[in-house]
Amino acid sequence: MNGRQVLEEPTARLLQEKIESRAARVGVVGLGYVGLPLAVEFAKAGFHVTGIDINEEKAQRVNAGHSYIGDIPSETLSSLVKAGKLRATTDFSVVSDLDTINIAVPTPLRKTRDPDMSHIVESCREIAKHFHAGMLVILESTTYPGTTDEVVLPMLQKTGLEAGRDFFLCFSPERVDPGNAKFQTYNIPKVVGGVTPACSELGRIFYSQALQQVVPVSSTQVAEMVKLLENTFRMINIGLVNEIALMCDRMGINVWEVIDAAATKPFGFMPFYPGPGLGGHCIPIDPFYLSWKTKQAGIEARFIDLAGYINGQMPHFVADKVQNALNDHGKPVKGSRIHVMGAAYKRDIDDVRESPALDVMLLLQKRGGIVTYSDPHVPHLKLDEIRMEALPETAAADADCAVIITDHRAFDYVGLLERAKLIVDTRNALKGNTSEKIVRL
């Protein structure tokens, strides 16, 4: 059955015409690292886009053309706003005038490591107040398999409208890699699955207007599981290589040299690299959605739980490395000045969500260390509710130990090697350098 045959209902045909003619009014709920780039791409494709966010400051900054997302230049945002293609609001009543809505709100874990669906539920509750026939709704927030059908669908159907006939509902996993200059929203293949074939087809048509490649799948559950597989794959392989790093440390083997040599194999091996711990909005969190869901079905996700434990121990391992390195140089960690290089969770971005740097800094503080940090992308942060200001990277010269947590390209590693008394390198940023100052992960 081709797409034309799937879209039998007049409502579906009308929405298809609106989308393909760029007459559809597009809405994006949640203007963060996922939502704002998506809104920008559809505005660039010629649609009128309305962003909705409960954060008044974000809405004001969008409307002023001031980007707060590193991958979106303010010049690009400003030109779209001035052209009338993009605007932002905190008022959900605009849903009444929209034809499509993408939901890209946070889905954190509670302390009990079960999914917090409150942002999705609250967004759907507000959308339902202004919901109308002929709408396409796509959930992009990472979540457990079944969320779209079990949580979102019932809330929208309470309006009396039927999915696949009166409105259309899909799930499409976000695939955002902040700071990646090669792959961004427009050229990362977009997976989408609907609650009915008509929903899937309209989701495919919608994304095809602004993105290079769309990959339709048979259901929302498949689409939801795709995201979890992708990030669980990374989380488990990082857990494996972190465990290898722990083994190599005990045996006096350079784990970085081992990985580089193994990576020369042209088949059957993909290099992953150890580090101070997992950070960001996906890998430290997403696999636990799957673990939680499988436990509901009576299945233990043992690989996920084990990898989660190993990755969670890495900040402690780094703190031990720093303490041992200081001891070897005749200094106790208590009272020592420790300067952390990099607070963001990955290279060349400003995102500190789940950053292992924060964990390492707290652990070292609790051991009595006097901790400072440098990060050209993170001018200030909160550590245990205490505000800290970034220092110039030259401050590493005054420290008893510098710890490279995030290997930003902007750092002067040659200068660091010259100035610092002792360096613990958790990212192999000083690869190719030999010095008694360097202690590698």
Protein backbone atom coordinates (compact mmCIF):
# COMPACT_ATOMS: atom_id res chain seq x y z
CA MET A 1 0.00 0.00 0.00
CA ASN A 2 1.49 3.36 -1.00
CA GLY A 3 1.27 6.56 0.97
CA ARG A 4 -1.64 7.87 -1.09
CA GLN A 5 -3.73 4.79 -0.27
CA VAL A 6 -2.89 5.08 3.44
CA LEU A 7 -4.18 8.66 3.60
CA GLU A 8 -7.80 7.85 2.85
CA GLU A 9 -9.50 10.16 5.34
CA PRO A 10 -10.33 13.69 4.10
CA THR A 11 -8.72 15.10 7.25
CA ALA A 12 -5.44 13.36 6.40
CA ARG A 13 -5.55 14.52 2.76
CA LEU A 14 -6.17 18.12 3.81
CA LEU A 15 -3.31 18.06 6.31
CA GLN A 16 -1.01 16.53 3.70
CA GLU A 17 -1.84 19.37 1.30
CA LYS A 18 -1.15 21.97 3.99
CA ILE A 19 2.20 20.40 4.85
CA GLU A 20 3.37 19.96 1.27
CA SER A 21 2.38 23.52 0.36
CA ARG A 22 4.11 24.90 3.49
CA ALA A 23 0.76 26.34 4.59
CA ALA A 24 0.72 24.23 7.77
CA ARG A 25 1.31 26.17 10.98
CA VAL A 26 4.04 24.35 12.91
CA GLY A 27 4.40 24.32 16.68
CA VAL A 28 7.28 23.10 18.83
CA VAL A 29 6.82 22.61 22.57
CA GLY A 30 10.12 22.90 24.44
CA LEU A 31 12.81 25.21 23.06
CA GLY A 32 15.92 23.49 24.32
CA TYR A 33 18.74 21.61 22.60
CA VAL A 34 16.21 19.58 20.57
CA GLY A 35 13.26 21.90 20.10
CA LEU A 36 14.92 25.13 19.02
CA PRO A 37 17.09 23.57 16.26
CA LEU A 38 14.01 21.73 14.99
CA ALA A 39 11.96 24.93 14.98
CA VAL A 40 14.74 26.70 13.09
CA GLU A 41 14.92 24.00 10.40
CA PHE A 42 11.19 24.17 9.69
CA ALA A 43 11.28 27.96 9.65
CA LYS A 44 14.17 27.81 7.17
CA ALA A 45 12.07 25.42 5.05
CA GLY A 46 9.38 28.10 4.73
CA PHE A 47 6.92 27.20 7.47
CA HIS A 48 5.53 29.62 10.03
CA VAL A 49 6.75 28.17 13.32
CA THR A 50 5.62 28.95 16.85
CA GLY A 51 7.77 27.78 19.73
CA ILE A 52 6.15 27.21 23.11
CA ASP A 53 8.18 27.11 26.32
CA ILE A 54 7.19 27.67 29.93
CA ASN A 55 10.46 29.57 30.43
CA GLU A 56 9.67 33.23 29.78
CA GLU A 57 13.34 34.12 29.35
CA LYS A 58 13.78 31.58 26.54
CA ALA A 59 10.72 32.90 24.72
CA GLN A 60 11.97 36.48 25.03
CA ARG A 61 15.44 35.58 23.78
CA VAL A 62 14.03 33.77 20.75
CA ASN A 63 11.80 36.72 19.90
CA ALA A 64 14.81 39.02 20.26
CA GLY A 65 16.81 36.79 17.91
CA HIS A 66 19.37 35.92 20.60
CA SER A 67 20.33 32.24 20.46
CA TYR A 68 21.21 30.37 23.65
CA ILE A 69 21.99 27.13 21.77
CA GLY A 70 25.56 26.82 20.50
CA ASP A 71 24.59 25.11 17.24
CA ILE A 72 22.17 27.93 16.30
CA PRO A 73 23.90 31.22 15.35
CA SER A 74 22.05 34.29 16.56
CA GLU A 75 22.26 35.67 13.01
CA THR A 76 20.26 32.71 11.71
CA LEU A 77 17.68 32.96 14.47
CA SER A 78 17.35 36.72 14.13
CA SER A 79 16.79 36.59 10.36
CA LEU A 80 13.97 34.04 10.76
CA VAL A 81 12.32 36.07 13.50
CA LYS A 82 12.54 39.28 11.44
CA ALA A 83 11.08 37.45 8.43
CA GLY A 84 8.08 36.43 10.54
CA LYS A 85 8.86 32.73 10.17
CA LEU A 86 9.58 32.03 13.84
CA ARG A 87 8.26 33.31 17.12
CA ALA A 88 8.03 32.04 20.69
CA THR A 89 5.48 32.23 23.47
CA THR A 90 4.61 30.78 26.86
CA ASP A 91 0.90 30.72 25.98
CA PHE A 92 -0.48 27.30 24.96
CA SER A 93 -3.63 28.89 23.54
CA VAL A 94 -1.74 29.31 20.26
CA VAL A 95 -2.33 25.56 19.76
CA SER A 96 -5.79 26.52 18.48
CA ASP A 97 -4.14 27.95 15.35
CA LEU A 98 -1.56 25.21 14.77
CA ASP A 99 -1.63 22.23 12.42
CA THR A 100 1.35 20.32 13.79
CA ILE A 101 3.04 20.09 17.18
CA ASN A 102 6.36 18.52 18.12
CA ILE A 103 6.83 17.87 21.82
CA ALA A 104 10.47 18.10 22.89
CA VAL A 105 10.38 18.50 26.66
CA PRO A 106 12.73 17.03 29.29
CA THR A 107 12.22 13.48 30.57
CA PRO A 108 14.60 13.15 33.53
CA LEU A 109 14.94 10.25 35.92
CA ARG A 110 13.70 10.46 39.47
CA LYS A 111 16.10 9.62 42.28
CA THR A 112 14.54 6.14 42.26
CA ARG A 113 15.66 5.85 38.58
CA ASP A 114 12.15 5.57 37.23
CA PRO A 115 11.07 7.92 34.41
CA ASP A 116 9.65 11.33 35.25
CA MET A 117 6.86 11.88 32.72
CA SER A 118 5.57 15.07 34.35
CA HIS A 119 6.77 17.42 31.59
CA ILE A 120 5.14 15.28 28.88
CA VAL A 121 1.91 14.94 30.86
CA GLU A 122 1.71 18.66 31.60
CA SER A 123 2.42 19.56 27.96
CA CYS A 124 -0.29 17.18 26.72
CA ARG A 125 -2.73 18.52 29.29
CA GLU A 126 -2.18 22.07 28.00
CA ILE A 127 -2.33 20.97 24.35
CA ALA A 128 -5.60 19.09 24.96
CA LYS A 129 -7.27 22.31 26.15
CA HIS A 130 -6.87 23.79 22.67
CA PHE A 131 -6.76 20.60 20.58
CA HIS A 132 -8.72 20.38 17.35
CA ALA A 133 -9.28 18.06 14.42
CA GLY A 134 -6.70 17.93 11.65
CA MET A 135 -3.62 18.08 13.85
CA LEU A 136 -0.39 16.07 13.69
CA VAL A 137 1.29 15.57 17.07
CA ILE A 138 4.79 14.12 17.32
CA LEU A 139 6.47 13.28 20.60
CA GLU A 140 10.27 13.62 20.45
CA SER A 141 11.13 13.42 24.14
CA THR A 142 13.19 10.31 24.90
CA THR A 143 11.15 7.84 26.88
CA TYR A 144 10.30 4.18 27.45
CA PRO A 145 8.57 2.03 24.78
CA GLY A 146 4.83 2.49 25.08
CA THR A 147 4.73 6.10 26.27
CA THR A 148 3.11 7.53 23.13
CA ASP A 149 0.31 4.96 23.10
CA GLU A 150 -0.12 4.63 26.86
CA VAL A 151 0.29 8.23 28.04
CA VAL A 152 -0.11 10.70 25.17
CA LEU A 153 -2.81 8.97 23.09
CA PRO A 154 -5.41 8.63 25.88
CA MET A 155 -4.98 12.27 26.88
CA LEU A 156 -5.62 13.48 23.33
CA GLN A 157 -8.48 11.06 22.68
CA LYS A 158 -10.29 12.39 25.74
CA THR A 159 -11.15 15.33 23.50
CA GLY A 160 -13.45 12.96 21.58
CA LEU A 161 -11.23 12.86 18.51
CA GLU A 162 -9.94 9.59 17.04
CA ALA A 163 -6.30 8.96 16.17
CA GLY A 164 -5.74 8.10 12.52
CA ARG A 165 -8.99 9.70 11.47
CA ASP A 166 -9.44 13.07 13.23
CA PHE A 167 -5.86 13.64 14.34
CA PHE A 168 -2.51 11.96 13.85
CA LEU A 169 0.04 10.92 16.44
CA CYS A 170 3.68 9.79 16.08
CA PHE A 171 6.88 9.31 17.98
CA SER A 172 10.21 10.39 16.52
CA PRO A 173 13.40 9.99 18.58
CA GLU A 174 15.55 13.08 18.80
CA ARG A 175 19.11 12.60 17.62
CA VAL A 176 21.00 15.66 18.74
CA ASP A 177 24.77 15.79 19.16
CA PRO A 178 25.61 19.29 20.44
CA GLY A 179 28.81 20.69 19.01
CA ASN A 180 28.90 18.28 16.07
CA ALA A 181 29.77 20.41 13.04
CA LYS A 182 29.13 17.58 10.55
CA PHE A 183 25.80 16.14 11.72
CA GLN A 184 23.04 18.47 12.82
CA THR A 185 19.24 18.38 12.81
CA TYR A 186 18.76 18.78 9.05
CA ASN A 187 21.11 15.96 7.96
CA ILE A 188 20.69 13.38 10.72
CA PRO A 189 18.29 10.66 9.45
CA LYS A 190 14.92 11.02 11.19
CA VAL A 191 13.09 7.92 12.40
CA VAL A 192 9.32 8.23 12.83
CA GLY A 193 6.54 5.79 13.73
CA GLY A 194 2.82 6.44 14.16
CA VAL A 195 -0.05 4.87 16.05
CA THR A 196 -1.66 4.07 12.67
CA PRO A 197 -0.27 3.76 9.13
CA ALA A 198 -1.82 7.14 8.26
CA CYS A 199 -0.07 8.71 11.25
CA SER A 200 3.28 7.26 10.16
CA GLU A 201 2.82 8.49 6.60
CA LEU A 202 1.94 12.02 7.67
CA GLY A 203 4.93 12.02 10.02
CA ARG A 204 7.15 10.99 7.11
CA ILE A 205 5.71 13.68 4.83
CA PHE A 206 6.08 16.32 7.53
CA TYR A 207 9.75 15.70 8.29
CA SER A 208 10.57 15.31 4.59
CA GLN A 209 9.80 18.98 4.06
CA ALA A 210 12.73 20.15 6.17
CA LEU A 211 15.10 17.23 6.81
CA GLN A 212 17.29 15.33 4.36
CA GLN A 213 16.28 11.75 5.17
CA VAL A 214 13.28 10.23 6.93
CA VAL A 215 13.13 6.60 8.08
CA PRO A 216 9.54 5.46 8.72
CA VAL A 217 8.96 2.48 11.04
CA SER A 218 5.86 0.44 11.74
CA SER A 219 4.86 1.74 15.18
CA THR A 220 5.53 4.25 17.93
CA GLN A 221 6.99 1.46 20.09
CA VAL A 222 9.59 0.62 17.44
CA ALA A 223 10.54 4.29 17.16
CA GLU A 224 10.78 4.63 20.95
CA MET A 225 12.94 1.51 21.18
CA VAL A 226 15.28 2.77 18.42
CA LYS A 227 16.42 5.66 20.59
CA LEU A 228 16.99 3.46 23.61
CA LEU A 229 18.96 0.92 21.58
CA GLU A 230 21.21 3.64 20.16
CA ASN A 231 22.10 5.09 23.54
CA THR A 232 22.20 1.77 25.38
CA PHE A 233 24.69 0.54 22.77
CA ARG A 234 26.95 3.49 23.55
CA MET A 235 26.46 3.30 27.30
CA ILE A 236 27.33 -0.40 27.49
CA ASN A 237 30.38 -0.09 25.23
CA ILE A 238 31.63 2.88 27.23
CA GLY A 239 31.06 0.82 30.37
CA LEU A 240 33.13 -1.99 28.84
CA VAL A 241 36.04 0.25 27.92
CA ASN A 242 35.89 1.96 31.32
CA GLU A 243 36.20 -1.47 32.93
CA ILE A 244 39.14 -2.23 30.62
CA ALA A 245 40.68 1.06 31.79
CA LEU A 246 40.33 -0.03 35.40
CA MET A 247 41.99 -3.35 34.57
CA CYS A 248 44.83 -1.69 32.65
CA ASP A 249 45.42 0.72 35.51
CA ARG A 250 45.94 -2.18 37.92
CA MET A 251 48.27 -3.93 35.49
CA GLY A 252 50.28 -0.85 34.51
CA ILE A 253 49.14 -0.93 30.86
CA ASN A 254 48.39 2.20 28.81
CA VAL A 255 44.71 1.72 27.91
CA TRP A 256 44.87 4.45 25.24
CA GLU A 257 47.62 2.64 23.38
CA VAL A 258 45.62 -0.59 23.61
CA ILE A 259 42.53 1.03 22.07
CA ASP A 260 44.48 2.75 19.29
CA ALA A 261 46.11 -0.54 18.33
CA ALA A 262 42.82 -2.45 18.45
CA ALA A 263 41.21 0.21 16.26
CA THR A 264 43.52 -0.74 13.39
CA LYS A 265 41.43 -3.89 12.89
CA PRO A 266 39.31 -3.15 9.78
CA PHE A 267 36.34 -5.29 10.87
CA GLY A 268 34.60 -6.45 14.01
CA PHE A 269 35.81 -3.61 16.25
CA MET A 270 34.62 -0.08 16.93
CA PRO A 271 36.72 2.09 19.24
CA PHE A 272 35.15 3.56 22.36
CA TYR A 273 37.17 5.55 24.87
CA PRO A 274 37.24 5.68 28.66
CA GLY A 275 36.66 8.85 30.59
CA PRO A 276 35.75 10.41 33.92
CA GLY A 277 32.10 9.34 33.67
CA LEU A 278 29.03 9.82 31.52
CA GLY A 279 27.33 13.16 30.96
CA GLY A 280 24.69 14.83 28.86
CA HIS A 281 20.98 14.45 28.35
CA CYS A 282 20.93 10.93 26.86
CA ILE A 283 23.53 8.29 27.59
CA PRO A 284 23.54 8.52 31.41
CA ILE A 285 19.73 8.48 31.52
CA ASP A 286 18.05 6.82 28.54
CA PRO A 287 19.12 3.18 29.13
CA PHE A 288 17.46 3.30 32.55
CA TYR A 289 14.10 3.96 30.86
CA LEU A 290 14.56 0.59 29.19
CA SER A 291 15.76 -1.05 32.40
CA TRP A 292 12.70 0.29 34.24
CA LYS A 293 10.30 -0.86 31.51
CA THR A 294 11.77 -4.36 31.25
CA LYS A 295 11.55 -4.80 35.03
CA GLN A 296 7.83 -4.09 34.68
CA ALA A 297 7.74 -7.09 32.33
CA GLY A 298 9.74 -9.25 34.74
CA ILE A 299 13.03 -9.05 32.82
CA GLU A 300 16.33 -7.96 34.36
CA ALA A 301 18.38 -5.62 32.16
CA ARG A 302 21.69 -6.91 33.52
CA PHE A 303 24.02 -5.39 30.94
CA ILE A 304 22.47 -1.95 31.50
CA ASP A 305 22.64 -2.17 35.28
CA LEU A 306 26.25 -3.39 35.26
CA ALA A 307 27.40 -0.77 32.75
CA GLY A 308 25.57 1.88 34.77
CA TYR A 309 27.41 0.81 37.90
CA ILE A 310 30.84 0.85 36.22
CA ASN A 311 30.25 4.23 34.55
CA GLY A 312 28.96 5.61 37.84
CA GLN A 313 32.20 4.62 39.55
CA MET A 314 34.45 6.53 37.15
CA PRO A 315 34.27 9.92 38.96
CA HIS A 316 35.38 8.09 42.13
CA PHE A 317 38.21 6.46 40.18
CA VAL A 318 39.32 9.89 38.92
CA ALA A 319 39.19 11.34 42.43
CA ASP A 320 41.33 8.42 43.61
CA LYS A 321 43.77 9.07 40.75
CA VAL A 322 44.11 12.71 41.81
CA GLN A 323 44.55 11.81 45.46
CA ASN A 324 47.17 9.14 44.68
CA ALA A 325 49.02 11.46 42.30
CA LEU A 326 49.19 14.15 44.98
CA ASN A 327 50.33 11.62 47.58
CA ASP A 328 53.08 10.45 45.24
CA HIS A 329 54.28 14.06 45.07
CA GLY A 330 54.26 14.43 48.84
CA LYS A 331 50.95 16.29 49.17
CA PRO A 332 47.74 15.15 50.86
CA VAL A 333 44.55 15.94 48.97
CA LYS A 334 43.25 17.85 52.00
CA GLY A 335 44.28 21.45 51.58
CA SER A 336 45.70 20.92 48.10
CA ARG A 337 44.68 23.29 45.32
CA ILE A 338 43.10 21.33 42.48
CA HIS A 339 42.21 23.01 39.21
CA VAL A 340 39.72 21.26 36.91
CA MET A 341 40.04 21.87 33.18
CA GLY A 342 36.57 21.69 31.63
CA ALA A 343 33.15 21.54 33.29
CA ALA A 344 30.90 20.74 30.29
CA TYR A 345 30.00 17.10 29.74
CA LYS A 346 31.75 16.97 26.35
CA ARG A 347 34.19 18.87 24.19
CA ASP A 348 33.43 22.37 22.84
CA ILE A 349 29.91 22.82 24.24
CA ASP A 350 28.41 24.67 27.21
CA ASP A 351 26.12 21.92 28.50
CA VAL A 352 26.81 20.74 32.08
CA ARG A 353 23.84 18.38 32.40
CA GLU A 354 24.98 15.22 34.22
CA SER A 355 28.58 16.32 33.67
CA PRO A 356 31.11 14.05 35.39
CA ALA A 357 33.20 17.16 36.07
CA LEU A 358 30.68 18.22 38.71
CA ASP A 359 30.86 14.83 40.40
CA VAL A 360 34.67 14.85 40.41
CA MET A 361 34.76 18.39 41.79
CA LEU A 362 32.34 17.50 44.60
CA LEU A 363 34.26 14.35 45.50
CA LEU A 364 37.54 16.26 45.67
CA GLN A 365 35.94 18.99 47.77
CA LYS A 366 34.59 16.40 50.20
CA ARG A 367 38.11 15.03 50.53
CA GLY A 368 39.30 18.47 51.55
CA GLY A 369 40.63 19.73 48.22
CA ILE A 370 40.39 23.42 47.30
CA VAL A 371 38.76 23.15 43.86
CA THR A 372 38.66 25.72 41.05
CA TYR A 373 37.91 25.30 37.36
CA SER A 374 38.37 26.75 33.87
CA ASP A 375 35.99 26.36 30.96
CA PRO A 376 35.71 28.82 28.05
CA HIS A 377 32.13 27.66 27.42
CA VAL A 378 30.88 27.59 31.04
CA PRO A 379 31.57 30.95 32.73
CA HIS A 380 29.85 29.95 35.95
CA LEU A 381 28.13 26.95 37.53
CA LYS A 382 26.51 25.77 40.73
CA LEU A 383 28.29 23.11 42.72
CA ASP A 384 26.23 21.83 45.63
CA GLU A 385 24.22 25.09 45.44
CA ILE A 386 27.39 27.19 45.64
CA ARG A 387 28.03 29.44 42.66
CA MET A 388 31.50 29.13 41.12
CA GLU A 389 33.10 31.38 38.53
CA ALA A 390 35.44 30.06 35.85
CA LEU A 391 39.06 31.17 36.18
CA PRO A 392 41.52 31.75 33.33
CA GLU A 393 43.23 28.49 32.40
CA THR A 394 46.53 30.00 33.52
CA ALA A 395 45.22 29.46 37.08
CA ALA A 396 46.36 25.86 36.66
CA ALA A 397 49.91 27.10 37.31
CA ASP A 398 48.95 28.01 40.89
CA ALA A 399 47.38 24.62 41.59
CA ASP A 400 49.00 21.57 43.09
CA CYS A 401 47.26 19.45 40.46
CA ALA A 402 45.40 20.17 37.21
CA VAL A 403 42.77 17.66 36.13
CA ILE A 404 41.66 17.51 32.49
CA ILE A 405 38.01 16.46 32.57
CA THR A 406 36.74 18.02 29.31
CA ASP A 407 39.19 18.26 26.43
CA HIS A 408 38.04 21.53 24.86
CA ARG A 409 39.98 22.43 21.74
CA ALA A 410 40.38 25.98 23.04
CA PHE A 411 42.65 24.91 25.88
CA ASP A 412 46.38 25.58 25.49
CA TYR A 413 47.70 22.12 26.30
CA VAL A 414 51.31 23.03 25.50
CA GLY A 415 51.07 25.91 27.95
CA LEU A 416 49.35 23.70 30.52
CA LEU A 417 52.15 21.15 30.31
CA GLU A 418 54.70 23.92 30.82
CA ARG A 419 52.88 25.65 33.70
CA ALA A 420 51.23 22.90 35.73
CA LYS A 421 53.06 21.10 38.51
CA LEU A 422 51.04 17.88 38.07
CA ILE A 423 48.38 16.85 35.55
CA VAL A 424 45.81 14.06 35.72
CA ASP A 425 44.58 13.56 32.15
CA THR A 426 41.27 11.69 31.92
CA ARG A 427 40.78 12.27 28.17
CA ASN A 428 44.21 11.54 26.69
CA ALA A 429 44.31 15.23 25.70
CA LEU A 430 48.10 15.17 26.10
CA LYS A 431 48.55 12.25 23.72
CA GLY A 432 52.04 12.21 22.27
CA ASN A 433 53.53 14.07 25.23
CA THR A 434 55.83 12.35 27.70
CA SER A 435 56.40 13.91 31.10
CA GLU A 436 56.65 12.85 34.71
CA LYS A 437 53.98 15.47 35.37
CA ILE A 438 51.34 13.50 33.46
CA VAL A 439 49.18 10.86 35.12
CA ARG A 440 46.84 9.26 32.61
CA LEU A 441 43.51 7.56 33.22
